[in-house]
C-alpha atoms as a PDB file:
ATOM      1  CA  UNK A   1       6.610   0.364 -11.517  1.00  0.00           C
ATOM      2  CA  UNK A   2       6.701   2.217 -14.798  1.00  0.00           C
ATOM      3  CA  UNK A   3       4.836   5.305 -13.603  1.00  0.00           C
ATOM      4  CA  UNK A   4       3.600   6.855 -10.422  1.00  0.00           C
ATOM      5  CA  UNK A   5      -0.042   6.428  -9.443  1.00  0.00           C
ATOM      6  CA  UNK A   6      -2.438   9.367  -9.676  1.00  0.00           C
ATOM      7  CA  UNK A   7      -2.634   9.375  -5.863  1.00  0.00           C
ATOM      8  CA  UNK A   8      -0.286   7.605  -3.448  1.00  0.00           C
ATOM      9  CA  UNK A   9      -3.057   7.614  -0.861  1.00  0.00           C
ATOM     10  CA  UNK A  10      -5.416   5.786  -3.192  1.00  0.00           C
ATOM     11  CA  UNK A  11      -2.654   3.393  -4.224  1.00  0.00           C
ATOM     12  CA  UNK A  12      -1.866   2.581  -0.582  1.00  0.00           C
ATOM     13  CA  UNK A  13      -5.520   1.807   0.148  1.00  0.00           C
ATOM     14  CA  UNK A  14      -5.904  -0.370  -2.962  1.00  0.00           C
ATOM     15  CA  UNK A  15      -2.552  -2.053  -2.270  1.00  0.00           C
ATOM     16  CA  UNK A  16      -3.681  -3.049   1.222  1.00  0.00           C
ATOM     17  CA  UNK A  17      -6.992  -4.330  -0.152  1.00  0.00           C
ATOM     18  CA  UNK A  18      -5.189  -6.405  -2.797  1.00  0.00           C
ATOM     19  CA  UNK A  19      -2.956  -8.212  -0.285  1.00  0.00           C
ATOM     20  CA  UNK A  20      -4.813 -11.053   1.478  1.00  0.00           C
ATOM     21  CA  UNK A  21      -2.233 -10.982   4.298  1.00  0.00           C
ATOM     22  CA  UNK A  22      -3.461  -7.543   5.371  1.00  0.00           C
ATOM     23  CA  UNK A  23      -6.457  -7.970   7.656  1.00  0.00           C
ATOM     24  CA  UNK A  24      -7.144  -4.297   8.320  1.00  0.00           C
ATOM     25  CA  UNK A  25      -5.936  -0.856   7.365  1.00  0.00           C
ATOM     26  CA  UNK A  26      -6.025   2.112   9.719  1.00  0.00           C
ATOM     27  CA  UNK A  27      -6.671   5.382   7.930  1.00  0.00           C
ATOM     28  CA  UNK A  28      -6.552   8.814   9.545  1.00  0.00           C
ATOM     29  CA  UNK A  29      -9.069  11.257   8.131  1.00  0.00           C
ATOM     30  CA  UNK A  30      -9.109  14.955   9.001  1.00  0.00           C
ATOM     31  CA  UNK A  31     -11.281  16.495   6.296  1.00  0.00           C
ATOM     32  CA  UNK A  32     -14.297  15.593   4.174  1.00  0.00           C
ATOM     33  CA  UNK A  33     -12.004  15.676   1.112  1.00  0.00           C
ATOM     34  CA  UNK A  34      -9.787  12.998   2.645  1.00  0.00           C
ATOM     35  CA  UNK A  35     -12.839  10.854   3.322  1.00  0.00           C
ATOM     36  CA  UNK A  36     -13.916  11.182  -0.322  1.00  0.00           C
ATOM     37  CA  UNK A  37     -10.414  10.213  -1.473  1.00  0.00           C
ATOM     38  CA  UNK A  38     -10.522   7.044   0.641  1.00  0.00           C
ATOM     39  CA  UNK A  39     -14.021   6.130  -0.512  1.00  0.00           C
ATOM     40  CA  UNK A  40     -13.008   6.683  -4.145  1.00  0.00           C
ATOM     41  CA  UNK A  41      -9.987   4.419  -3.650  1.00  0.00           C
ATOM     42  CA  UNK A  42     -12.126   1.601  -2.257  1.00  0.00           C
ATOM     43  CA  UNK A  43     -14.420   1.758  -5.280  1.00  0.00           C
ATOM     44  CA  UNK A  44     -11.602   1.713  -7.869  1.00  0.00           C
ATOM     45  CA  UNK A  45     -10.133  -1.518  -9.268  1.00  0.00           C
ATOM     46  CA  UNK A  46      -7.371  -3.218  -7.313  1.00  0.00           C
ATOM     47  CA  UNK A  47      -3.846  -2.944  -8.686  1.00  0.00           C
ATOM     48  CA  UNK A  48      -2.809  -5.659 -11.114  1.00  0.00           C
ATOM     49  CA  UNK A  49      -0.873  -8.532  -9.509  1.00  0.00           C
ATOM     50  CA  UNK A  50       2.341  -7.461 -11.242  1.00  0.00           C
ATOM     51  CA  UNK A  51       1.976  -3.949  -9.753  1.00  0.00           C
ATOM     52  CA  UNK A  52       1.506  -5.418  -6.263  1.00  0.00           C
ATOM     53  CA  UNK A  53       4.566  -7.636  -6.802  1.00  0.00           C
ATOM     54  CA  UNK A  54       6.622  -4.627  -7.955  1.00  0.00           C
ATOM     55  CA  UNK A  55       5.541  -2.637  -4.891  1.00  0.00           C
ATOM     56  CA  UNK A  56       6.572  -5.543  -2.636  1.00  0.00           C
ATOM     57  CA  UNK A  57       9.995  -5.641  -4.348  1.00  0.00           C
ATOM     58  CA  UNK A  58      10.431  -1.903  -3.843  1.00  0.00           C
ATOM     59  CA  UNK A  59       9.460  -2.211  -0.156  1.00  0.00           C
ATOM     60  CA  UNK A  60      11.880  -5.106   0.338  1.00  0.00           C
ATOM     61  CA  UNK A  61      14.728  -3.224  -1.335  1.00  0.00           C
ATOM     62  CA  UNK A  62      14.008  -0.109   0.721  1.00  0.00           C
ATOM     63  CA  UNK A  63      13.940  -2.087   3.986  1.00  0.00           C
ATOM     64  CA  UNK A  64      17.309  -3.653   3.101  1.00  0.00           C
ATOM     65  CA  UNK A  65      18.825  -0.270   2.231  1.00  0.00           C
ATOM     66  CA  UNK A  66      17.774   1.114   5.615  1.00  0.00           C
ATOM     67  CA  UNK A  67      18.609  -1.982   7.644  1.00  0.00           C
ATOM     68  CA  UNK A  68      14.991  -2.738   8.588  1.00  0.00           C
ATOM     69  CA  UNK A  69      14.349  -6.434   9.163  1.00  0.00           C
ATOM     70  CA  UNK A  70      11.057  -8.124   8.289  1.00  0.00           C
ATOM     71  CA  UNK A  71       9.552 -10.891  10.379  1.00  0.00           C
ATOM     72  CA  UNK A  72       8.034 -14.041   8.852  1.00  0.00           C
ATOM     73  CA  UNK A  73       4.708 -12.242   8.317  1.00  0.00           C
ATOM     74  CA  UNK A  74       6.442  -9.598   6.219  1.00  0.00           C
ATOM     75  CA  UNK A  75       5.746  -6.855   8.754  1.00  0.00           C
ATOM     76  CA  UNK A  76       8.717  -4.532   9.352  1.00  0.00           C
ATOM     77  CA  UNK A  77      10.382  -4.957  12.734  1.00  0.00           C
ATOM     78  CA  UNK A  78      12.104  -1.829  14.060  1.00  0.00           C
END
């Protein structure tokens, strides 16, 4: 990715919405501000496919660096 997103929280929500393999996302909310951040993220456009692909590459590289295996569904296995 060429630049960091304005909010990693918003990116994570949009990233999970953009991936059809993700059936649900659990979000912990402690304050009204956090709720507004999540709601804003849901209303914003999804990341472009090339951004999602880049994020997947970064996740894969990071898992390999730390010795974390992925199962066939792509979910990390610890």
